[in-house]
Amino acid sequence: MILTESQKKYLRGRGHQLKPIITVGNAGLSESVLAEFESTLAHHELIKVKVRAGDREVRDEIIVQLCDKHAAVLVQRIGNIALMYRPNPDKKPEARLRIPSS
């Protein structure tokens, strides 16, 4: 999924008040973290993830792995916090997060 800049801006505005729901520690991505990430992303569609890894390259690699394995889109990354989005087509239409079309 590719988001336009206006869609990313909208999602950044929606995600501004969110607190990080998932925290990835120094141990990296375990099966339990991946399962929790999947269920949380399916439920909320837009989440913040805190990655507490050693350096920037490791944090970037963890964020890329999360996005690739779960078909999520990185909306924004500031420091060790990443804002990620993935629409859930199984949710009721009125419960889905609606983003502008363009």
PDB file of N, CA and C in Angstrom:
ATOM      1  N   MET A   1       0.844  -1.176   0.000  1.00  0.00           N
ATOM      2  CA  MET A   1       0.000   0.000   0.000  1.00  0.00           C
ATOM      3  C   MET A   1       0.891   1.242   0.000  1.00  0.00           C
ATOM      4  N   ILE A   2       0.564   2.172  -0.842  1.00  0.00           N
ATOM      5  CA  ILE A   2       1.305   3.425  -0.915  1.00  0.00           C
ATOM      6  C   ILE A   2       0.367   4.552  -0.525  1.00  0.00           C
ATOM      7  N   LEU A   3       0.820   5.385   0.391  1.00  0.00           N
ATOM      8  CA  LEU A   3       0.029   6.526   0.846  1.00  0.00           C
ATOM      9  C   LEU A   3       0.566   7.807   0.227  1.00  0.00           C
ATOM     10  N   THR A   4      -0.353   8.706  -0.112  1.00  0.00           N
ATOM     11  CA  THR A   4       0.062  10.018  -0.599  1.00  0.00           C
ATOM     12  C   THR A   4       0.491  10.871   0.587  1.00  0.00           C
ATOM     13  N   GLU A   5       1.118  11.991   0.303  1.00  0.00           N
ATOM     14  CA  GLU A   5       1.562  12.887   1.375  1.00  0.00           C
ATOM     15  C   GLU A   5       0.385  13.444   2.161  1.00  0.00           C
ATOM     16  N   SER A   6      -0.726  13.724   1.491  1.00  0.00           N
ATOM     17  CA  SER A   6      -1.896  14.244   2.205  1.00  0.00           C
ATOM     18  C   SER A   6      -2.499  13.172   3.122  1.00  0.00           C
ATOM     19  N   GLN A   7      -2.462  11.919   2.691  1.00  0.00           N
ATOM     20  CA  GLN A   7      -2.953  10.835   3.546  1.00  0.00           C
ATOM     21  C   GLN A   7      -2.037  10.648   4.750  1.00  0.00           C
ATOM     22  N   LYS A   8      -0.707  10.730   4.527  1.00  0.00           N
ATOM     23  CA  LYS A   8       0.226  10.619   5.640  1.00  0.00           C
ATOM     24  C   LYS A   8       0.045  11.770   6.627  1.00  0.00           C
ATOM     25  N   LYS A   9      -0.194  12.955   6.105  1.00  0.00           N
ATOM     26  CA  LYS A   9      -0.416  14.114   6.969  1.00  0.00           C
ATOM     27  C   LYS A   9      -1.660  13.903   7.824  1.00  0.00           C
ATOM     28  N   TYR A  10      -2.718  13.389   7.227  1.00  0.00           N
ATOM     29  CA  TYR A  10      -3.943  13.105   7.961  1.00  0.00           C
ATOM     30  C   TYR A  10      -3.689  12.072   9.063  1.00  0.00           C
ATOM     31  N   LEU A  11      -2.976  11.002   8.720  1.00  0.00           N
ATOM     32  CA  LEU A  11      -2.691   9.951   9.696  1.00  0.00           C
ATOM     33  C   LEU A  11      -1.763  10.453  10.810  1.00  0.00           C
ATOM     34  N   ARG A  12      -0.805  11.303  10.483  1.00  0.00           N
ATOM     35  CA  ARG A  12       0.055  11.889  11.519  1.00  0.00           C
ATOM     36  C   ARG A  12      -0.772  12.714  12.492  1.00  0.00           C
ATOM     37  N   GLY A  13      -1.744  13.441  11.974  1.00  0.00           N
ATOM     38  CA  GLY A  13      -2.641  14.210  12.837  1.00  0.00           C
ATOM     39  C   GLY A  13      -3.467  13.316  13.738  1.00  0.00           C
ATOM     40  N   ARG A  14      -3.967  12.214  13.191  1.00  0.00           N
ATOM     41  CA  ARG A  14      -4.751  11.260  13.995  1.00  0.00           C
ATOM     42  C   ARG A  14      -3.885  10.534  15.016  1.00  0.00           C
ATOM     43  N   GLY A  15      -2.613  10.302  14.663  1.00  0.00           N
ATOM     44  CA  GLY A  15      -1.731   9.547  15.540  1.00  0.00           C
ATOM     45  C   GLY A  15      -1.011  10.385  16.571  1.00  0.00           C
ATOM     46  N   HIS A  16      -1.117  11.703  16.474  1.00  0.00           N
ATOM     47  CA  HIS A  16      -0.368  12.581  17.370  1.00  0.00           C
ATOM     48  C   HIS A  16      -0.667  12.310  18.844  1.00  0.00           C
ATOM     49  N   GLN A  17      -1.915  12.129  19.195  1.00  0.00           N
ATOM     50  CA  GLN A  17      -2.297  11.940  20.595  1.00  0.00           C
ATOM     51  C   GLN A  17      -2.157  10.496  21.067  1.00  0.00           C
ATOM     52  N   LEU A  18      -1.840   9.573  20.164  1.00  0.00           N
ATOM     53  CA  LEU A  18      -1.712   8.165  20.559  1.00  0.00           C
ATOM     54  C   LEU A  18      -0.463   7.925  21.395  1.00  0.00           C
ATOM     55  N   LYS A  19      -0.557   6.993  22.304  1.00  0.00           N
ATOM     56  CA  LYS A  19       0.590   6.526  23.077  1.00  0.00           C
ATOM     57  C   LYS A  19       1.099   5.234  22.437  1.00  0.00           C
ATOM     58  N   PRO A  20       2.392   4.952  22.562  1.00  0.00           N
ATOM     59  CA  PRO A  20       2.897   3.677  22.015  1.00  0.00           C
ATOM     60  C   PRO A  20       2.222   2.485  22.693  1.00  0.00           C
ATOM     61  N   ILE A  21       1.699   1.590  21.897  1.00  0.00           N
ATOM     62  CA  ILE A  21       0.996   0.415  22.409  1.00  0.00           C
ATOM     63  C   ILE A  21       1.947  -0.766  22.515  1.00  0.00           C
ATOM     64  N   ILE A  22       2.826  -0.911  21.551  1.00  0.00           N
ATOM     65  CA  ILE A  22       3.778  -2.028  21.507  1.00  0.00           C
ATOM     66  C   ILE A  22       5.169  -1.479  21.788  1.00  0.00           C
ATOM     67  N   THR A  23       5.926  -2.197  22.614  1.00  0.00           N
ATOM     68  CA  THR A  23       7.319  -1.849  22.875  1.00  0.00           C
ATOM     69  C   THR A  23       8.190  -3.036  22.511  1.00  0.00           C
ATOM     70  N   VAL A  24       9.155  -2.785  21.631  1.00  0.00           N
ATOM     71  CA  VAL A  24      10.118  -3.811  21.247  1.00  0.00           C
ATOM     72  C   VAL A  24      11.390  -3.519  22.025  1.00  0.00           C
ATOM     73  N   GLY A  25      11.815  -4.473  22.847  1.00  0.00           N
ATOM     74  CA  GLY A  25      12.983  -4.277  23.690  1.00  0.00           C
ATOM     75  C   GLY A  25      14.278  -4.661  23.009  1.00  0.00           C
ATOM     76  N   ASN A  26      15.331  -4.724  23.804  1.00  0.00           N
ATOM     77  CA  ASN A  26      16.660  -5.060  23.288  1.00  0.00           C
ATOM     78  C   ASN A  26      16.734  -6.471  22.722  1.00  0.00           C
ATOM     79  N   ALA A  27      15.812  -7.345  23.141  1.00  0.00           N
ATOM     80  CA  ALA A  27      15.813  -8.729  22.648  1.00  0.00           C
ATOM     81  C   ALA A  27      15.339  -8.819  21.199  1.00  0.00           C
ATOM     82  N   GLY A  28      14.732  -7.753  20.681  1.00  0.00           N
ATOM     83  CA  GLY A  28      14.295  -7.750  19.289  1.00  0.00           C
ATOM     84  C   GLY A  28      12.891  -8.293  19.115  1.00  0.00           C
ATOM     85  N   LEU A  29      12.636  -8.842  17.942  1.00  0.00           N
ATOM     86  CA  LEU A  29      11.309  -9.330  17.591  1.00  0.00           C
ATOM     87  C   LEU A  29      11.159 -10.797  17.962  1.00  0.00           C
ATOM     88  N   SER A  30      10.409 -11.050  19.008  1.00  0.00           N
ATOM     89  CA  SER A  30      10.104 -12.427  19.390  1.00  0.00           C
ATOM     90  C   SER A  30       8.746 -12.803  18.790  1.00  0.00           C
ATOM     91  N   GLU A  31       8.412 -14.061  18.869  1.00  0.00           N
ATOM     92  CA  GLU A  31       7.117 -14.521  18.346  1.00  0.00           C
ATOM     93  C   GLU A  31       5.959 -13.870  19.085  1.00  0.00           C
ATOM     94  N   SER A  32       6.096 -13.673  20.392  1.00  0.00           N
ATOM     95  CA  SER A  32       5.017 -13.046  21.154  1.00  0.00           C
ATOM     96  C   SER A  32       4.841 -11.581  20.771  1.00  0.00           C
ATOM     97  N   VAL A  33       5.938 -10.880  20.512  1.00  0.00           N
ATOM     98  CA  VAL A  33       5.841  -9.479  20.082  1.00  0.00           C
ATOM     99  C   VAL A  33       5.177  -9.399  18.711  1.00  0.00           C
ATOM    100  N   LEU A  34       5.549 -10.289  17.806  1.00  0.00           N
ATOM    101  CA  LEU A  34       4.948 -10.301  16.474  1.00  0.00           C
ATOM    102  C   LEU A  34       3.450 -10.612  16.531  1.00  0.00           C
ATOM    103  N   ALA A  35       3.061 -11.545  17.388  1.00  0.00           N
ATOM    104  CA  ALA A  35       1.645 -11.886  17.527  1.00  0.00           C
ATOM    105  C   ALA A  35       0.868 -10.717  18.119  1.00  0.00           C
ATOM    106  N   GLU A  36       1.428 -10.064  19.110  1.00  0.00           N
ATOM    107  CA  GLU A  36       0.766  -8.908  19.725  1.00  0.00           C
ATOM    108  C   GLU A  36       0.660  -7.755  18.725  1.00  0.00           C
ATOM    109  N   PHE A  37       1.705  -7.554  17.950  1.00  0.00           N
ATOM    110  CA  PHE A  37       1.690  -6.506  16.927  1.00  0.00           C
ATOM    111  C   PHE A  37       0.580  -6.768  15.922  1.00  0.00           C
ATOM    112  N   GLU A  38       0.465  -8.001  15.461  1.00  0.00           N
ATOM    113  CA  GLU A  38      -0.560  -8.360  14.475  1.00  0.00           C
ATOM    114  C   GLU A  38      -1.963  -8.116  15.018  1.00  0.00           C
ATOM    115  N   SER A  39      -2.237  -8.583  16.224  1.00  0.00           N
ATOM    116  CA  SER A  39      -3.587  -8.429  16.773  1.00  0.00           C
ATOM    117  C   SER A  39      -3.906  -6.965  17.074  1.00  0.00           C
ATOM    118  N   THR A  40      -2.931  -6.215  17.554  1.00  0.00           N
ATOM    119  CA  THR A  40      -3.157  -4.802  17.868  1.00  0.00           C
ATOM    120  C   THR A  40      -3.369  -3.990  16.599  1.00  0.00           C
ATOM    121  N   LEU A  41      -2.577  -4.256  15.574  1.00  0.00           N
ATOM    122  CA  LEU A  41      -2.728  -3.543  14.312  1.00  0.00           C
ATOM    123  C   LEU A  41      -4.063  -3.865  13.652  1.00  0.00           C
ATOM    124  N   ALA A  42      -4.490  -5.108  13.738  1.00  0.00           N
ATOM    125  CA  ALA A  42      -5.781  -5.495  13.167  1.00  0.00           C
ATOM    126  C   ALA A  42      -6.925  -4.790  13.888  1.00  0.00           C
ATOM    127  N   HIS A  43      -6.785  -4.597  15.182  1.00  0.00           N
ATOM    128  CA  HIS A  43      -7.848  -3.968  15.958  1.00  0.00           C
ATOM    129  C   HIS A  43      -7.866  -2.453  15.798  1.00  0.00           C
ATOM    130  N   HIS A  44      -6.706  -1.804  15.865  1.00  0.00           N
ATOM    131  CA  HIS A  44      -6.647  -0.342  15.880  1.00  0.00           C
ATOM    132  C   HIS A  44      -6.382   0.296  14.514  1.00  0.00           C
ATOM    133  N   GLU A  45      -5.755  -0.403  13.609  1.00  0.00           N
ATOM    134  CA  GLU A  45      -5.371   0.059  12.276  1.00  0.00           C
ATOM    135  C   GLU A  45      -4.243   1.098  12.284  1.00  0.00           C
ATOM    136  N   LEU A  46      -4.199   1.988  13.254  1.00  0.00           N
ATOM    137  CA  LEU A  46      -3.154   3.003  13.355  1.00  0.00           C
ATOM    138  C   LEU A  46      -2.562   2.905  14.759  1.00  0.00           C
ATOM    139  N   ILE A  47      -1.277   2.545  14.842  1.00  0.00           N
ATOM    140  CA  ILE A  47      -0.651   2.360  16.152  1.00  0.00           C
ATOM    141  C   ILE A  47       0.741   2.975  16.188  1.00  0.00           C
ATOM    142  N   LYS A  48       1.177   3.247  17.410  1.00  0.00           N
ATOM    143  CA  LYS A  48       2.555   3.668  17.635  1.00  0.00           C
ATOM    144  C   LYS A  48       3.311   2.516  18.269  1.00  0.00           C
ATOM    145  N   VAL A  49       4.559   2.350  17.809  1.00  0.00           N
ATOM    146  CA  VAL A  49       5.423   1.292  18.317  1.00  0.00           C
ATOM    147  C   VAL A  49       6.705   1.947  18.820  1.00  0.00           C
ATOM    148  N   LYS A  50       7.108   1.594  20.032  1.00  0.00           N
ATOM    149  CA  LYS A  50       8.364   2.086  20.576  1.00  0.00           C
ATOM    150  C   LYS A  50       9.406   0.987  20.414  1.00  0.00           C
ATOM    151  N   VAL A  51      10.520   1.329  19.786  1.00  0.00           N
ATOM    152  CA  VAL A  51      11.592   0.364  19.549  1.00  0.00           C
ATOM    153  C   VAL A  51      12.785   0.792  20.404  1.00  0.00           C
ATOM    154  N   ARG A  52      13.064   0.013  21.439  1.00  0.00           N
ATOM    155  CA  ARG A  52      14.162   0.325  22.351  1.00  0.00           C
ATOM    156  C   ARG A  52      15.366  -0.543  22.023  1.00  0.00           C
ATOM    157  N   ALA A  53      15.926  -0.309  20.855  1.00  0.00           N
ATOM    158  CA  ALA A  53      17.107  -1.064  20.431  1.00  0.00           C
ATOM    159  C   ALA A  53      18.328  -0.159  20.527  1.00  0.00           C
ATOM    160  N   GLY A  54      19.481  -0.749  20.383  1.00  0.00           N
ATOM    161  CA  GLY A  54      20.732  -0.045  20.577  1.00  0.00           C
ATOM    162  C   GLY A  54      20.952   1.174  19.708  1.00  0.00           C
ATOM    163  N   ASP A  55      21.050   1.005  18.415  1.00  0.00           N
ATOM    164  CA  ASP A  55      21.371   2.139  17.567  1.00  0.00           C
ATOM    165  C   ASP A  55      20.338   2.307  16.457  1.00  0.00           C
ATOM    166  N   ARG A  56      20.509   3.342  15.677  1.00  0.00           N
ATOM    167  CA  ARG A  56      19.536   3.708  14.650  1.00  0.00           C
ATOM    168  C   ARG A  56      19.360   2.623  13.598  1.00  0.00           C
ATOM    169  N   GLU A  57      20.447   1.990  13.171  1.00  0.00           N
ATOM    170  CA  GLU A  57      20.345   0.966  12.131  1.00  0.00           C
ATOM    171  C   GLU A  57      19.519  -0.229  12.593  1.00  0.00           C
ATOM    172  N   VAL A  58      19.697  -0.623  13.843  1.00  0.00           N
ATOM    173  CA  VAL A  58      18.927  -1.746  14.395  1.00  0.00           C
ATOM    174  C   VAL A  58      17.450  -1.361  14.494  1.00  0.00           C
ATOM    175  N   ARG A  59      17.170  -0.145  14.954  1.00  0.00           N
ATOM    176  CA  ARG A  59      15.778   0.320  15.038  1.00  0.00           C
ATOM    177  C   ARG A  59      15.138   0.344  13.657  1.00  0.00           C
ATOM    178  N   ASP A  60      15.863   0.857  12.676  1.00  0.00           N
ATOM    179  CA  ASP A  60      15.321   0.907  11.313  1.00  0.00           C
ATOM    180  C   ASP A  60      15.029  -0.488  10.777  1.00  0.00           C
ATOM    181  N   GLU A  61      15.929  -1.430  11.034  1.00  0.00           N
ATOM    182  CA  GLU A  61      15.737  -2.802  10.560  1.00  0.00           C
ATOM    183  C   GLU A  61      14.511  -3.451  11.219  1.00  0.00           C
ATOM    184  N   ILE A  62      14.317  -3.223  12.496  1.00  0.00           N
ATOM    185  CA  ILE A  62      13.145  -3.783  13.195  1.00  0.00           C
ATOM    186  C   ILE A  62      11.859  -3.193  12.630  1.00  0.00           C
ATOM    187  N   ILE A  63      11.845  -1.897  12.382  1.00  0.00           N
ATOM    188  CA  ILE A  63      10.651  -1.251  11.826  1.00  0.00           C
ATOM    189  C   ILE A  63      10.360  -1.779  10.429  1.00  0.00           C
ATOM    190  N   VAL A  64      11.372  -1.952   9.615  1.00  0.00           N
ATOM    191  CA  VAL A  64      11.187  -2.496   8.262  1.00  0.00           C
ATOM    192  C   VAL A  64      10.661  -3.924   8.322  1.00  0.00           C
ATOM    193  N   GLN A  65      11.185  -4.730   9.235  1.00  0.00           N
ATOM    194  CA  GLN A  65      10.706  -6.108   9.379  1.00  0.00           C
ATOM    195  C   GLN A  65       9.237  -6.134   9.782  1.00  0.00           C
ATOM    196  N   LEU A  66       8.844  -5.286  10.722  1.00  0.00           N
ATOM    197  CA  LEU A  66       7.440  -5.236  11.147  1.00  0.00           C
ATOM    198  C   LEU A  66       6.540  -4.850   9.974  1.00  0.00           C
ATOM    199  N   CYS A  67       6.942  -3.846   9.224  1.00  0.00           N
ATOM    200  CA  CYS A  67       6.132  -3.407   8.081  1.00  0.00           C
ATOM    201  C   CYS A  67       6.046  -4.496   7.012  1.00  0.00           C
ATOM    202  N   ASP A  68       7.161  -5.142   6.710  1.00  0.00           N
ATOM    203  CA  ASP A  68       7.168  -6.160   5.666  1.00  0.00           C
ATOM    204  C   ASP A  68       6.367  -7.397   6.048  1.00  0.00           C
ATOM    205  N   LYS A  69       6.547  -7.881   7.265  1.00  0.00           N
ATOM    206  CA  LYS A  69       5.866  -9.116   7.683  1.00  0.00           C
ATOM    207  C   LYS A  69       4.367  -8.946   7.845  1.00  0.00           C
ATOM    208  N   HIS A  70       3.922  -7.720   8.118  1.00  0.00           N
ATOM    209  CA  HIS A  70       2.508  -7.520   8.429  1.00  0.00           C
ATOM    210  C   HIS A  70       1.807  -6.583   7.461  1.00  0.00           C
ATOM    211  N   ALA A  71       2.441  -6.282   6.324  1.00  0.00           N
ATOM    212  CA  ALA A  71       1.857  -5.432   5.283  1.00  0.00           C
ATOM    213  C   ALA A  71       1.401  -4.089   5.837  1.00  0.00           C
ATOM    214  N   ALA A  72       2.174  -3.539   6.750  1.00  0.00           N
ATOM    215  CA  ALA A  72       1.866  -2.239   7.329  1.00  0.00           C
ATOM    216  C   ALA A  72       2.664  -1.158   6.601  1.00  0.00           C
ATOM    217  N   VAL A  73       2.222   0.069   6.746  1.00  0.00           N
ATOM    218  CA  VAL A  73       2.889   1.208   6.134  1.00  0.00           C
ATOM    219  C   VAL A  73       3.444   2.088   7.251  1.00  0.00           C
ATOM    220  N   LEU A  74       4.703   2.442   7.114  1.00  0.00           N
ATOM    221  CA  LEU A  74       5.307   3.373   8.056  1.00  0.00           C
ATOM    222  C   LEU A  74       4.859   4.776   7.680  1.00  0.00           C
ATOM    223  N   VAL A  75       4.122   5.420   8.578  1.00  0.00           N
ATOM    224  CA  VAL A  75       3.626   6.767   8.330  1.00  0.00           C
ATOM    225  C   VAL A  75       4.677   7.786   8.751  1.00  0.00           C
ATOM    226  N   GLN A  76       5.259   7.548   9.938  1.00  0.00           N
ATOM    227  CA  GLN A  76       6.237   8.484  10.470  1.00  0.00           C
ATOM    228  C   GLN A  76       7.123   7.781  11.482  1.00  0.00           C
ATOM    229  N   ARG A  77       8.371   8.220  11.545  1.00  0.00           N
ATOM    230  CA  ARG A  77       9.294   7.728  12.571  1.00  0.00           C
ATOM    231  C   ARG A  77      10.015   8.912  13.150  1.00  0.00           C
ATOM    232  N   ILE A  78       9.908   9.058  14.465  1.00  0.00           N
ATOM    233  CA  ILE A  78      10.629  10.107  15.178  1.00  0.00           C
ATOM    234  C   ILE A  78      11.371   9.430  16.318  1.00  0.00           C
ATOM    235  N   GLY A  79      12.681   9.447  16.253  1.00  0.00           N
ATOM    236  CA  GLY A  79      13.487   8.797  17.291  1.00  0.00           C
ATOM    237  C   GLY A  79      13.221   7.313  17.329  1.00  0.00           C
ATOM    238  N   ASN A  80      12.759   6.840  18.484  1.00  0.00           N
ATOM    239  CA  ASN A  80      12.481   5.416  18.626  1.00  0.00           C
ATOM    240  C   ASN A  80      10.984   5.093  18.568  1.00  0.00           C
ATOM    241  N   ILE A  81      10.179   6.037  18.107  1.00  0.00           N
ATOM    242  CA  ILE A  81       8.739   5.840  17.981  1.00  0.00           C
ATOM    243  C   ILE A  81       8.356   5.808  16.504  1.00  0.00           C
ATOM    244  N   ALA A  82       7.619   4.768  16.107  1.00  0.00           N
ATOM    245  CA  ALA A  82       7.147   4.630  14.723  1.00  0.00           C
ATOM    246  C   ALA A  82       5.624   4.602  14.715  1.00  0.00           C
ATOM    247  N   LEU A  83       5.042   5.342  13.796  1.00  0.00           N
ATOM    248  CA  LEU A  83       3.598   5.351  13.594  1.00  0.00           C
ATOM    249  C   LEU A  83       3.313   4.494  12.373  1.00  0.00           C
ATOM    250  N   MET A  84       2.493   3.445  12.541  1.00  0.00           N
ATOM    251  CA  MET A  84       2.229   2.491  11.460  1.00  0.00           C
ATOM    252  C   MET A  84       0.735   2.361  11.212  1.00  0.00           C
ATOM    253  N   TYR A  85       0.402   2.111   9.946  1.00  0.00           N
ATOM    254  CA  TYR A  85      -0.991   2.009   9.532  1.00  0.00           C
ATOM    255  C   TYR A  85      -1.180   0.800   8.630  1.00  0.00           C
ATOM    256  N   ARG A  86      -2.289   0.114   8.853  1.00  0.00           N
ATOM    257  CA  ARG A  86      -2.732  -0.943   7.940  1.00  0.00           C
ATOM    258  C   ARG A  86      -4.252  -1.031   8.045  1.00  0.00           C
ATOM    259  N   PRO A  87      -4.966  -0.833   6.928  1.00  0.00           N
ATOM    260  CA  PRO A  87      -6.423  -0.933   6.989  1.00  0.00           C
ATOM    261  C   PRO A  87      -6.862  -2.366   7.245  1.00  0.00           C
ATOM    262  N   ASN A  88      -7.982  -2.500   7.913  1.00  0.00           N
ATOM    263  CA  ASN A  88      -8.530  -3.821   8.209  1.00  0.00           C
ATOM    264  C   ASN A  88      -9.858  -3.963   7.467  1.00  0.00           C
ATOM    265  N   PRO A  89      -9.885  -4.688   6.353  1.00  0.00           N
ATOM    266  CA  PRO A  89     -11.127  -4.819   5.594  1.00  0.00           C
ATOM    267  C   PRO A  89     -12.180  -5.685   6.293  1.00  0.00           C
ATOM    268  N   ASP A  90     -11.794  -6.410   7.340  1.00  0.00           N
ATOM    269  CA  ASP A  90     -12.744  -7.258   8.055  1.00  0.00           C
ATOM    270  C   ASP A  90     -13.577  -6.491   9.075  1.00  0.00           C
ATOM    271  N   LYS A  91     -13.173  -5.269   9.402  1.00  0.00           N
ATOM    272  CA  LYS A  91     -13.944  -4.469  10.347  1.00  0.00           C
ATOM    273  C   LYS A  91     -15.200  -3.935   9.684  1.00  0.00           C
ATOM    274  N   LYS A  92     -16.187  -3.632  10.500  1.00  0.00           N
ATOM    275  CA  LYS A  92     -17.400  -3.025   9.970  1.00  0.00           C
ATOM    276  C   LYS A  92     -17.043  -1.672   9.357  1.00  0.00           C
ATOM    277  N   PRO A  93     -17.701  -1.297   8.283  1.00  0.00           N
ATOM    278  CA  PRO A  93     -17.348  -0.031   7.611  1.00  0.00           C
ATOM    279  C   PRO A  93     -17.382   1.185   8.531  1.00  0.00           C
ATOM    280  N   GLU A  94     -18.325   1.239   9.441  1.00  0.00           N
ATOM    281  CA  GLU A  94     -18.421   2.401  10.335  1.00  0.00           C
ATOM    282  C   GLU A  94     -17.333   2.403  11.411  1.00  0.00           C
ATOM    283  N   ALA A  95     -16.675   1.273  11.624  1.00  0.00           N
ATOM    284  CA  ALA A  95     -15.609   1.181  12.629  1.00  0.00           C
ATOM    285  C   ALA A  95     -14.212   1.367  12.044  1.00  0.00           C
ATOM    286  N   ARG A  96     -14.109   1.376  10.716  1.00  0.00           N
ATOM    287  CA  ARG A  96     -12.814   1.529  10.066  1.00  0.00           C
ATOM    288  C   ARG A  96     -12.314   2.968  10.169  1.00  0.00           C
ATOM    289  N   LEU A  97     -11.013   3.099  10.120  1.00  0.00           N
ATOM    290  CA  LEU A  97     -10.386   4.408  10.059  1.00  0.00           C
ATOM    291  C   LEU A  97     -10.476   4.894   8.625  1.00  0.00           C
ATOM    292  N   ARG A  98     -11.132   6.010   8.427  1.00  0.00           N
ATOM    293  CA  ARG A  98     -11.302   6.531   7.069  1.00  0.00           C
ATOM    294  C   ARG A  98     -10.219   7.569   6.792  1.00  0.00           C
ATOM    295  N   ILE A  99      -9.508   7.365   5.711  1.00  0.00           N
ATOM    296  CA  ILE A  99      -8.504   8.343   5.322  1.00  0.00           C
ATOM    297  C   ILE A  99      -8.927   8.992   4.013  1.00  0.00           C
ATOM    298  N   PRO A 100      -8.492  10.224   3.767  1.00  0.00           N
ATOM    299  CA  PRO A 100      -8.871  10.884   2.512  1.00  0.00           C
ATOM    300  C   PRO A 100      -8.358  10.103   1.301  1.00  0.00           C
ATOM    301  N   SER A 101      -9.092  10.159   0.208  1.00  0.00           N
ATOM    302  CA  SER A 101      -8.711   9.366  -0.963  1.00  0.00           C
ATOM    303  C   SER A 101      -7.477   9.907  -1.671  1.00  0.00           C
ATOM    304  N   SER A 102      -7.263  11.205  -1.645  1.00  0.00           N
ATOM    305  CA  SER A 102      -6.065  11.746  -2.312  1.00  0.00           C
ATOM    306  C   SER A 102      -5.533  12.935  -1.600  1.00  0.00           C
TER     307      SER A 102
END
